[in-house]
Amino acid sequence: ILNIEDVLTSERAPALVEARGRELQKEIKAGAGIEELAKREGLPWQVSIDTKMYGGNIDETVRAKAFATPARADLPHVSGFLTDKGDYVILSLARIRDGDVGQLNQTQKDNLVRSLRNDMALQESGLYQRALVANATVKGL
């Protein structure tokens, strides 16, 4: 038996969480301190310094969002998103540092070259396919 109140609550909860998250995000963009805001609201907060793209103790979804931020974004860059688990994460990036190819070992460099070659091949293949479609004619209609 479905409890209508439970169903409505579960359907409405993500929207309420997101709305509250956006309100807090606006406060941060207006200059509120994240730590003070989190403490005031009784919310967990986490700081990560020198976060790497892979590994570490930061949630994979949060890390992916952080590394999707444009390298030339105005800093601090504050963004927010609703997770699959129903949490709203506010992400504030204070510094973005370019990677250093010189710090990669030979295996990592080889993998990077292989990945770039694959990306270029896929791009060329897509261009070729679009050119074929653009120049195609239909006969017999």
N, C-alpha and C. Protein backbone atom coordinates (compact mmCIF):
# COMPACT_ATOMS: atom_id res chain seq x y z
N ILE A 1 0.86 -1.17 0.00
CA ILE A 1 0.00 0.00 0.00
C ILE A 1 0.90 1.23 0.00
N LEU A 2 0.60 2.12 -0.90
CA LEU A 2 1.37 3.36 -1.00
C LEU A 2 0.79 4.43 -0.08
N ASN A 3 1.66 5.07 0.61
CA ASN A 3 1.26 6.20 1.43
C ASN A 3 1.46 7.45 0.58
N ILE A 4 0.39 8.12 0.25
CA ILE A 4 0.45 9.28 -0.63
C ILE A 4 1.36 10.36 -0.08
N GLU A 5 1.34 10.57 1.21
CA GLU A 5 2.20 11.58 1.82
C GLU A 5 3.68 11.25 1.60
N ASP A 6 4.04 9.98 1.74
CA ASP A 6 5.43 9.55 1.52
C ASP A 6 5.83 9.74 0.06
N VAL A 7 4.94 9.40 -0.85
CA VAL A 7 5.22 9.54 -2.28
C VAL A 7 5.43 11.01 -2.63
N LEU A 8 4.54 11.87 -2.16
CA LEU A 8 4.67 13.30 -2.46
C LEU A 8 5.94 13.88 -1.85
N THR A 9 6.26 13.46 -0.64
CA THR A 9 7.48 13.94 0.02
C THR A 9 8.71 13.52 -0.77
N SER A 10 8.76 12.26 -1.19
CA SER A 10 9.93 11.77 -1.93
C SER A 10 10.05 12.43 -3.30
N GLU A 11 8.92 12.80 -3.90
CA GLU A 11 8.96 13.47 -5.19
C GLU A 11 9.38 14.93 -5.04
N ARG A 12 9.00 15.54 -3.96
CA ARG A 12 9.25 16.97 -3.76
C ARG A 12 10.60 17.25 -3.12
N ALA A 13 11.15 16.29 -2.41
CA ALA A 13 12.39 16.49 -1.65
C ALA A 13 13.55 16.99 -2.51
N PRO A 14 13.84 16.39 -3.68
CA PRO A 14 14.97 16.88 -4.47
C PRO A 14 14.82 18.36 -4.86
N ALA A 15 13.62 18.78 -5.20
CA ALA A 15 13.40 20.18 -5.58
C ALA A 15 13.64 21.10 -4.39
N LEU A 16 13.21 20.68 -3.21
CA LEU A 16 13.42 21.49 -2.01
C LEU A 16 14.91 21.58 -1.66
N VAL A 17 15.61 20.45 -1.77
CA VAL A 17 17.05 20.43 -1.49
C VAL A 17 17.78 21.33 -2.47
N GLU A 18 17.43 21.23 -3.74
CA GLU A 18 18.09 22.06 -4.76
C GLU A 18 17.80 23.54 -4.54
N ALA A 19 16.58 23.88 -4.21
CA ALA A 19 16.23 25.29 -3.96
C ALA A 19 17.02 25.85 -2.79
N ARG A 20 17.12 25.08 -1.71
CA ARG A 20 17.89 25.54 -0.55
C ARG A 20 19.38 25.63 -0.90
N GLY A 21 19.87 24.68 -1.66
CA GLY A 21 21.27 24.72 -2.09
C GLY A 21 21.58 25.95 -2.92
N ARG A 22 20.67 26.30 -3.81
CA ARG A 22 20.87 27.50 -4.64
C ARG A 22 20.86 28.77 -3.79
N GLU A 23 20.03 28.80 -2.75
CA GLU A 23 20.01 29.95 -1.84
C GLU A 23 21.37 30.09 -1.14
N LEU A 24 21.89 28.98 -0.65
CA LEU A 24 23.19 29.01 0.03
C LEU A 24 24.31 29.38 -0.94
N GLN A 25 24.19 28.89 -2.16
CA GLN A 25 25.18 29.21 -3.19
C GLN A 25 25.20 30.72 -3.46
N LYS A 26 24.03 31.33 -3.50
CA LYS A 26 23.96 32.79 -3.70
C LYS A 26 24.64 33.53 -2.56
N GLU A 27 24.46 33.04 -1.33
CA GLU A 27 25.11 33.67 -0.18
C GLU A 27 26.63 33.60 -0.32
N ILE A 28 27.12 32.46 -0.77
CA ILE A 28 28.57 32.30 -0.94
C ILE A 28 29.08 33.22 -2.04
N LYS A 29 28.35 33.30 -3.14
CA LYS A 29 28.75 34.20 -4.23
C LYS A 29 28.74 35.65 -3.78
N ALA A 30 27.88 35.96 -2.80
CA ALA A 30 27.79 37.32 -2.28
C ALA A 30 28.87 37.60 -1.24
N GLY A 31 29.70 36.58 -0.92
CA GLY A 31 30.81 36.81 -0.01
C GLY A 31 30.75 36.09 1.32
N ALA A 32 29.71 35.33 1.58
CA ALA A 32 29.63 34.58 2.84
C ALA A 32 30.72 33.52 2.87
N GLY A 33 31.30 33.30 4.03
CA GLY A 33 32.32 32.27 4.19
C GLY A 33 31.70 30.89 4.20
N ILE A 34 32.28 29.97 3.47
CA ILE A 34 31.72 28.63 3.36
C ILE A 34 31.71 27.92 4.70
N GLU A 35 32.82 27.98 5.42
CA GLU A 35 32.90 27.28 6.70
C GLU A 35 31.86 27.81 7.67
N GLU A 36 31.76 29.12 7.78
CA GLU A 36 30.79 29.72 8.71
C GLU A 36 29.36 29.37 8.31
N LEU A 37 29.09 29.41 7.02
CA LEU A 37 27.76 29.08 6.51
C LEU A 37 27.42 27.62 6.81
N ALA A 38 28.36 26.72 6.57
CA ALA A 38 28.12 25.29 6.82
C ALA A 38 27.86 25.04 8.30
N LYS A 39 28.65 25.68 9.16
CA LYS A 39 28.45 25.51 10.60
C LYS A 39 27.10 26.06 11.03
N ARG A 40 26.75 27.23 10.51
CA ARG A 40 25.47 27.85 10.86
C ARG A 40 24.29 26.95 10.47
N GLU A 41 24.41 26.31 9.31
CA GLU A 41 23.33 25.47 8.79
C GLU A 41 23.42 24.02 9.27
N GLY A 42 24.50 23.69 9.99
CA GLY A 42 24.69 22.31 10.44
C GLY A 42 24.98 21.35 9.30
N LEU A 43 25.69 21.84 8.30
CA LEU A 43 25.98 21.04 7.11
C LEU A 43 27.44 20.60 7.09
N PRO A 44 27.72 19.45 6.51
CA PRO A 44 29.12 19.03 6.39
C PRO A 44 29.82 19.87 5.33
N TRP A 45 31.10 20.07 5.51
CA TRP A 45 31.89 20.76 4.50
C TRP A 45 33.27 20.14 4.47
N GLN A 46 33.92 20.28 3.34
CA GLN A 46 35.20 19.62 3.16
C GLN A 46 36.11 20.53 2.33
N VAL A 47 37.38 20.56 2.70
CA VAL A 47 38.38 21.33 1.97
C VAL A 47 39.35 20.35 1.34
N SER A 48 39.72 20.60 0.10
CA SER A 48 40.72 19.77 -0.55
C SER A 48 41.74 20.68 -1.21
N ILE A 49 43.00 20.43 -0.91
CA ILE A 49 44.09 21.22 -1.48
C ILE A 49 44.90 20.32 -2.39
N ASP A 50 45.30 20.85 -3.53
CA ASP A 50 46.09 20.09 -4.51
C ASP A 50 45.39 18.79 -4.91
N THR A 51 44.12 18.89 -5.21
CA THR A 51 43.32 17.73 -5.61
C THR A 51 43.74 17.27 -7.00
N LYS A 52 43.95 15.99 -7.14
CA LYS A 52 44.30 15.40 -8.43
C LYS A 52 43.02 14.95 -9.13
N MET A 53 43.11 14.83 -10.44
CA MET A 53 41.94 14.45 -11.22
C MET A 53 41.46 13.04 -10.88
N TYR A 54 42.39 12.16 -10.57
CA TYR A 54 42.02 10.78 -10.26
C TYR A 54 42.54 10.42 -8.88
N GLY A 55 41.75 9.66 -8.15
CA GLY A 55 42.15 9.21 -6.82
C GLY A 55 41.88 10.25 -5.76
N GLY A 56 42.34 9.97 -4.57
CA GLY A 56 42.13 10.90 -3.47
C GLY A 56 40.86 10.61 -2.71
N ASN A 57 40.56 11.48 -1.76
CA ASN A 57 39.42 11.24 -0.87
C ASN A 57 38.19 12.06 -1.22
N ILE A 58 38.19 12.72 -2.35
CA ILE A 58 37.04 13.52 -2.79
C ILE A 58 36.12 12.64 -3.63
N ASP A 59 34.82 12.77 -3.41
CA ASP A 59 33.82 12.03 -4.16
C ASP A 59 34.07 12.19 -5.66
N GLU A 60 33.95 11.09 -6.39
CA GLU A 60 34.22 11.08 -7.83
C GLU A 60 33.36 12.09 -8.60
N THR A 61 32.10 12.21 -8.24
CA THR A 61 31.21 13.15 -8.92
C THR A 61 31.65 14.59 -8.67
N VAL A 62 32.03 14.89 -7.45
CA VAL A 62 32.49 16.24 -7.12
C VAL A 62 33.78 16.54 -7.87
N ARG A 63 34.70 15.57 -7.88
CA ARG A 63 35.96 15.75 -8.59
C ARG A 63 35.71 15.99 -10.08
N ALA A 64 34.80 15.22 -10.67
CA ALA A 64 34.49 15.38 -12.10
C ALA A 64 33.95 16.77 -12.38
N LYS A 65 33.07 17.27 -11.52
CA LYS A 65 32.53 18.63 -11.70
C LYS A 65 33.64 19.67 -11.57
N ALA A 66 34.52 19.47 -10.60
CA ALA A 66 35.61 20.43 -10.40
C ALA A 66 36.51 20.48 -11.63
N PHE A 67 36.85 19.33 -12.17
CA PHE A 67 37.75 19.30 -13.32
C PHE A 67 37.05 19.64 -14.63
N ALA A 68 35.74 19.75 -14.63
CA ALA A 68 35.01 20.21 -15.81
C ALA A 68 34.95 21.73 -15.86
N THR A 69 35.40 22.38 -14.80
CA THR A 69 35.41 23.85 -14.75
C THR A 69 36.42 24.37 -15.76
N PRO A 70 36.06 25.36 -16.56
CA PRO A 70 37.02 25.92 -17.52
C PRO A 70 38.28 26.42 -16.81
N ALA A 71 39.43 26.13 -17.41
CA ALA A 71 40.72 26.49 -16.81
C ALA A 71 40.87 28.00 -16.62
N ARG A 72 40.16 28.77 -17.40
CA ARG A 72 40.27 30.23 -17.31
C ARG A 72 39.07 30.87 -16.62
N ALA A 73 38.39 30.11 -15.79
CA ALA A 73 37.22 30.63 -15.07
C ALA A 73 37.65 31.70 -14.09
N ASP A 74 36.77 32.68 -13.87
CA ASP A 74 37.02 33.69 -12.85
C ASP A 74 37.02 33.00 -11.49
N LEU A 75 37.96 33.37 -10.65
CA LEU A 75 38.10 32.74 -9.34
C LEU A 75 37.80 33.73 -8.23
N PRO A 76 37.23 33.29 -7.12
CA PRO A 76 36.79 31.92 -6.89
C PRO A 76 35.58 31.59 -7.76
N HIS A 77 35.53 30.37 -8.22
CA HIS A 77 34.44 29.90 -9.08
C HIS A 77 33.49 29.07 -8.22
N VAL A 78 32.27 29.56 -8.06
CA VAL A 78 31.28 28.88 -7.21
C VAL A 78 30.20 28.28 -8.11
N SER A 79 29.96 26.99 -7.93
CA SER A 79 28.90 26.32 -8.68
C SER A 79 28.23 25.31 -7.75
N GLY A 80 27.12 24.78 -8.18
CA GLY A 80 26.41 23.81 -7.36
C GLY A 80 25.67 22.82 -8.23
N PHE A 81 25.41 21.65 -7.66
CA PHE A 81 24.68 20.63 -8.40
C PHE A 81 24.04 19.64 -7.43
N LEU A 82 22.97 19.02 -7.90
CA LEU A 82 22.25 18.00 -7.15
C LEU A 82 22.85 16.64 -7.52
N THR A 83 23.25 15.86 -6.53
CA THR A 83 23.85 14.55 -6.81
C THR A 83 22.77 13.49 -7.01
N ASP A 84 23.20 12.34 -7.50
CA ASP A 84 22.28 11.21 -7.67
C ASP A 84 21.73 10.73 -6.33
N LYS A 85 22.45 11.01 -5.26
CA LYS A 85 22.03 10.59 -3.92
C LYS A 85 21.06 11.58 -3.29
N GLY A 86 20.80 12.70 -3.99
CA GLY A 86 19.85 13.68 -3.48
C GLY A 86 20.47 14.79 -2.67
N ASP A 87 21.80 14.86 -2.63
CA ASP A 87 22.48 15.94 -1.92
C ASP A 87 22.75 17.09 -2.88
N TYR A 88 22.83 18.29 -2.34
CA TYR A 88 23.22 19.44 -3.14
C TYR A 88 24.64 19.81 -2.74
N VAL A 89 25.53 19.83 -3.69
CA VAL A 89 26.94 20.14 -3.43
C VAL A 89 27.24 21.53 -3.97
N ILE A 90 27.83 22.35 -3.11
CA ILE A 90 28.32 23.66 -3.54
C ILE A 90 29.83 23.54 -3.64
N LEU A 91 30.34 23.85 -4.80
CA LEU A 91 31.76 23.71 -5.10
C LEU A 91 32.35 25.09 -5.31
N SER A 92 33.37 25.42 -4.54
CA SER A 92 34.04 26.71 -4.68
C SER A 92 35.51 26.46 -4.98
N LEU A 93 35.93 26.81 -6.19
CA LEU A 93 37.32 26.63 -6.58
C LEU A 93 38.07 27.94 -6.38
N ALA A 94 39.11 27.88 -5.59
CA ALA A 94 39.90 29.08 -5.30
C ALA A 94 41.10 29.20 -6.22
N ARG A 95 41.57 28.06 -6.75
CA ARG A 95 42.75 28.10 -7.61
C ARG A 95 42.67 26.95 -8.61
N ILE A 96 43.05 27.24 -9.84
CA ILE A 96 43.12 26.22 -10.87
C ILE A 96 44.55 26.27 -11.42
N ARG A 97 45.22 25.14 -11.34
CA ARG A 97 46.61 25.10 -11.80
C ARG A 97 46.70 24.11 -12.97
N ASP A 98 47.35 24.55 -14.04
CA ASP A 98 47.55 23.68 -15.19
C ASP A 98 48.44 22.51 -14.81
N GLY A 99 48.20 21.38 -15.45
CA GLY A 99 49.05 20.22 -15.24
C GLY A 99 50.42 20.43 -15.88
N ASP A 100 51.38 19.64 -15.48
CA ASP A 100 52.75 19.74 -15.99
C ASP A 100 53.11 18.41 -16.64
N VAL A 101 53.19 18.41 -17.97
CA VAL A 101 53.50 17.19 -18.71
C VAL A 101 54.86 16.64 -18.28
N GLY A 102 55.76 17.51 -17.87
CA GLY A 102 57.08 17.08 -17.44
C GLY A 102 57.06 16.18 -16.21
N GLN A 103 55.97 16.21 -15.46
CA GLN A 103 55.87 15.38 -14.26
C GLN A 103 55.28 14.00 -14.54
N LEU A 104 54.91 13.75 -15.79
CA LEU A 104 54.35 12.44 -16.15
C LEU A 104 55.47 11.44 -16.40
N ASN A 105 55.25 10.19 -15.99
CA ASN A 105 56.23 9.15 -16.33
C ASN A 105 55.99 8.71 -17.78
N GLN A 106 56.88 7.89 -18.32
CA GLN A 106 56.80 7.53 -19.74
C GLN A 106 55.50 6.80 -20.08
N THR A 107 55.03 5.93 -19.20
CA THR A 107 53.78 5.21 -19.45
C THR A 107 52.61 6.18 -19.54
N GLN A 108 52.58 7.16 -18.65
CA GLN A 108 51.51 8.16 -18.68
C GLN A 108 51.58 8.99 -19.95
N LYS A 109 52.78 9.35 -20.38
CA LYS A 109 52.94 10.11 -21.63
C LYS A 109 52.47 9.28 -22.82
N ASP A 110 52.85 8.00 -22.85
CA ASP A 110 52.42 7.12 -23.94
C ASP A 110 50.90 7.00 -23.98
N ASN A 111 50.28 6.85 -22.81
CA ASN A 111 48.82 6.75 -22.73
C ASN A 111 48.16 8.05 -23.19
N LEU A 112 48.75 9.18 -22.85
CA LEU A 112 48.21 10.48 -23.27
C LEU A 112 48.27 10.61 -24.79
N VAL A 113 49.42 10.24 -25.38
CA VAL A 113 49.56 10.30 -26.84
C VAL A 113 48.55 9.38 -27.50
N ARG A 114 48.39 8.17 -26.98
CA ARG A 114 47.43 7.21 -27.53
C ARG A 114 46.01 7.77 -27.45
N SER A 115 45.68 8.37 -26.33
CA SER A 115 44.35 8.95 -26.15
C SER A 115 44.11 10.10 -27.13
N LEU A 116 45.11 10.95 -27.29
CA LEU A 116 44.97 12.08 -28.22
C LEU A 116 44.82 11.59 -29.66
N ARG A 117 45.60 10.56 -30.03
CA ARG A 117 45.48 10.00 -31.38
C ARG A 117 44.08 9.43 -31.60
N ASN A 118 43.56 8.74 -30.60
CA ASN A 118 42.22 8.17 -30.70
C ASN A 118 41.17 9.28 -30.86
N ASP A 119 41.30 10.34 -30.05
CA ASP A 119 40.37 11.48 -30.15
C ASP A 119 40.41 12.10 -31.54
N MET A 120 41.63 12.27 -32.08
CA MET A 120 41.77 12.87 -33.41
C MET A 120 41.17 11.96 -34.48
N ALA A 121 41.38 10.65 -34.36
CA ALA A 121 40.82 9.71 -35.33
C ALA A 121 39.29 9.74 -35.29
N LEU A 122 38.72 9.79 -34.10
CA LEU A 122 37.26 9.87 -33.98
C LEU A 122 36.73 11.16 -34.59
N GLN A 123 37.44 12.25 -34.37
CA GLN A 123 37.02 13.54 -34.92
C GLN A 123 37.08 13.51 -36.45
N GLU A 124 38.17 12.96 -37.00
CA GLU A 124 38.31 12.87 -38.46
C GLU A 124 37.23 11.96 -39.05
N SER A 125 36.94 10.86 -38.37
CA SER A 125 35.91 9.94 -38.84
C SER A 125 34.55 10.63 -38.87
N GLY A 126 34.26 11.40 -37.83
CA GLY A 126 32.99 12.14 -37.78
C GLY A 126 32.89 13.16 -38.90
N LEU A 127 33.99 13.86 -39.17
CA LEU A 127 34.00 14.84 -40.27
C LEU A 127 33.77 14.14 -41.60
N TYR A 128 34.42 13.01 -41.80
CA TYR A 128 34.27 12.24 -43.03
C TYR A 128 32.82 11.78 -43.21
N GLN A 129 32.22 11.27 -42.13
CA GLN A 129 30.83 10.81 -42.20
C GLN A 129 29.89 11.96 -42.52
N ARG A 130 30.11 13.12 -41.89
CA ARG A 130 29.25 14.28 -42.17
C ARG A 130 29.41 14.74 -43.62
N ALA A 131 30.64 14.69 -44.14
CA ALA A 131 30.87 15.07 -45.54
C ALA A 131 30.16 14.12 -46.48
N LEU A 132 30.19 12.82 -46.18
CA LEU A 132 29.49 11.85 -47.02
C LEU A 132 27.99 12.11 -47.03
N VAL A 133 27.43 12.35 -45.87
CA VAL A 133 25.99 12.61 -45.77
C VAL A 133 25.64 13.91 -46.49
N ALA A 134 26.46 14.93 -46.32
CA ALA A 134 26.18 16.23 -46.95
C ALA A 134 26.21 16.13 -48.47
N ASN A 135 27.04 15.25 -49.01
CA ASN A 135 27.17 15.14 -50.46
C ASN A 135 26.37 13.98 -51.05
N ALA A 136 25.60 13.31 -50.25
CA ALA A 136 24.82 12.15 -50.72
C ALA A 136 23.62 12.61 -51.54
N THR A 137 23.27 11.78 -52.49
CA THR A 137 22.05 12.01 -53.26
C THR A 137 21.22 10.72 -53.22
N VAL A 138 19.94 10.88 -53.31
CA VAL A 138 19.04 9.73 -53.30
C VAL A 138 18.53 9.55 -54.72
N LYS A 139 18.73 8.35 -55.28
CA LYS A 139 18.29 8.07 -56.65
C LYS A 139 17.09 7.13 -56.62
N GLY A 140 16.24 7.30 -57.56
CA GLY A 140 15.11 6.40 -57.71
C GLY A 140 13.87 6.82 -56.95
N LEU A 141 13.86 8.03 -56.42
CA LEU A 141 12.64 8.49 -55.75
C LEU A 141 11.85 9.38 -56.65
